[in-house]
Each structure stands twice: as structure tokens, then as C-alpha cells.
C-alpha atoms as a PDB file:
ATOM      1  CA  MET A   1       2.882 -32.528  32.475  1.00  0.00           C
ATOM      2  CA  LYS A   2       1.306 -29.126  31.331  1.00  0.00           C
ATOM      3  CA  ASN A   3       4.236 -26.313  32.272  1.00  0.00           C
ATOM      4  CA  PRO A   4       2.123 -22.901  32.287  1.00  0.00           C
ATOM      5  CA  ALA A   5       5.521 -20.965  31.801  1.00  0.00           C
ATOM      6  CA  LEU A   6       6.220 -22.760  28.779  1.00  0.00           C
ATOM      7  CA  SER A   7       2.824 -22.109  27.533  1.00  0.00           C
ATOM      8  CA  LEU A   8       3.164 -18.470  27.879  1.00  0.00           C
ATOM      9  CA  TRP A   9       5.980 -17.855  26.410  1.00  0.00           C
ATOM     10  CA  LEU A  10       5.418 -19.967  23.057  1.00  0.00           C
ATOM     11  CA  SER A  11       2.243 -17.631  23.092  1.00  0.00           C
ATOM     12  CA  SER A  12       3.752 -14.599  22.955  1.00  0.00           C
ATOM     13  CA  ALA A  13       6.680 -15.705  20.796  1.00  0.00           C
ATOM     14  CA  HIS A  14       4.030 -17.592  18.348  1.00  0.00           C
ATOM     15  CA  ARG A  15       2.429 -13.140  19.006  1.00  0.00           C
ATOM     16  CA  VAL A  16       5.521 -11.834  17.844  1.00  0.00           C
ATOM     17  CA  ALA A  17       6.775 -13.976  14.809  1.00  0.00           C
ATOM     18  CA  GLY A  18       3.657 -13.156  13.578  1.00  0.00           C
ATOM     19  CA  TRP A  19       3.879  -9.794  14.085  1.00  0.00           C
ATOM     20  CA  TRP A  20       7.093  -9.889  12.400  1.00  0.00           C
ATOM     21  CA  MET A  21       6.167 -12.050   9.185  1.00  0.00           C
ATOM     22  CA  GLY A  22       3.087  -9.386   8.877  1.00  0.00           C
ATOM     23  CA  HIS A  23       5.335  -6.626   8.463  1.00  0.00           C
ATOM     24  CA  GLY A  24       7.986  -8.519   6.195  1.00  0.00           C
ATOM     25  CA  ALA A  25       4.856  -9.702   3.499  1.00  0.00           C
ATOM     26  CA  ASN A  26       3.867  -6.517   3.320  1.00  0.00           C
ATOM     27  CA  ALA A  27       7.213  -5.016   2.657  1.00  0.00           C
ATOM     28  CA  LEU A  28       7.274  -8.088  -0.175  1.00  0.00           C
ATOM     29  CA  ARG A  29       3.922  -5.995  -1.286  1.00  0.00           C
ATOM     30  CA  ARG A  30       5.454  -2.955  -1.707  1.00  0.00           C
ATOM     31  CA  GLN A  31       8.518  -3.850  -3.538  1.00  0.00           C
ATOM     32  CA  GLN A  32       6.571  -5.920  -5.513  1.00  0.00           C
ATOM     33  CA  ARG A  33       4.231  -2.721  -6.387  1.00  0.00           C
ATOM     34  CA  THR A  34       7.021   0.096  -7.165  1.00  0.00           C
ATOM     35  CA  MET A  35       8.695  -2.950  -9.338  1.00  0.00           C
ATOM     36  CA  LEU A  36       5.075  -3.400 -11.624  1.00  0.00           C
ATOM     37  CA  ALA A  37       5.222   0.218 -11.317  1.00  0.00           C
ATOM     38  CA  GLU A  38       8.471   1.416 -12.915  1.00  0.00           C
ATOM     39  CA  MET A  39       8.488  -2.158 -15.490  1.00  0.00           C
ATOM     40  CA  THR A  40       5.245  -0.501 -16.510  1.00  0.00           C
ATOM     41  CA  LYS A  41       6.471   3.193 -16.961  1.00  0.00           C
ATOM     42  CA  ALA A  42       9.361   1.597 -18.829  1.00  0.00           C
ATOM     43  CA  ALA A  43       7.896  -0.615 -21.401  1.00  0.00           C
ATOM     44  CA  SER A  44       5.004   1.985 -22.469  1.00  0.00           C
ATOM     45  CA  GLY A  45       8.268   4.615 -22.767  1.00  0.00           C
ATOM     46  CA  GLY A  46       7.633   6.753 -19.453  1.00  0.00           C
ATOM     47  CA  ALA A  47       5.367   8.601 -17.638  1.00  0.00           C
ATOM     48  CA  ALA A  48       2.089   9.748 -19.320  1.00  0.00           C
ATOM     49  CA  ARG A  49       1.174  13.489 -18.559  1.00  0.00           C
ATOM     50  CA  PRO A  50      -2.208  13.632 -17.351  1.00  0.00           C
ATOM     51  CA  LYS A  51      -4.724  15.361 -19.819  1.00  0.00           C
ATOM     52  CA  ARG A  52      -6.201  18.507 -18.640  1.00  0.00           C
ATOM     53  CA  ARG A  53      -9.008  19.410 -18.492  1.00  0.00           C
ATOM     54  CA  LYS A  54     -10.860  22.976 -19.351  1.00  0.00           C
ATOM     55  CA  PRO A  55     -12.249  24.751 -16.482  1.00  0.00           C
ATOM     56  CA  ARG A  56     -15.905  24.583 -16.329  1.00  0.00           C
ATOM     57  CA  PRO A  57     -17.835  28.118 -17.086  1.00  0.00           C
ATOM     58  CA  LEU A  58     -19.226  29.976 -14.440  1.00  0.00           C
ATOM     59  CA  ALA A  59     -22.856  30.108 -14.301  1.00  0.00           C
ATOM     60  CA  LYS A  60     -24.063  33.934 -15.028  1.00  0.00           C
ATOM     61  CA  ARG A  61     -26.198  35.140 -12.472  1.00  0.00           C
ATOM     62  CA  LYS A  62     -29.091  37.105 -12.892  1.00  0.00           C
ATOM     63  CA  ALA A  63     -29.023  40.837 -11.311  1.00  0.00           C
ATOM     64  CA  PRO A  64     -32.246  41.129  -8.581  1.00  0.00           C
END
């Protein structure tokens, strides 16, 4: 025999479990990205400083 109350309860439980699984997976991905960045930084001897670009010369305007 079908039980609509149990069906509703299981549907909402499944929805909540999916929400928690998604957040757990995202937290795991964030941790993996952080660890990979730290390992890469340690292997390369520290964070490299970005090179500065020289400013572009301004175009000279002609007097009217």
C-alpha cells in the first residue's frame, strides 16, 4: 500500500541530503585547491612576484 506521508518525508530527506552532499563536495574542492597551491608554491621556491609593466606613453595632443 502507498503511503503519501512517507513519500513526502523521503523526498524532503533526499533533497536535504543532496544539499549537504553538494556543500561537502565544494568544501573538499576548496581544500584541494588550497593544498595544491601551497604545494606548488613550496616546490617553486616561493611565490613569484608579478613583473611590472612600464606605463604606456601618453599620445601627444596637437594644439587646436
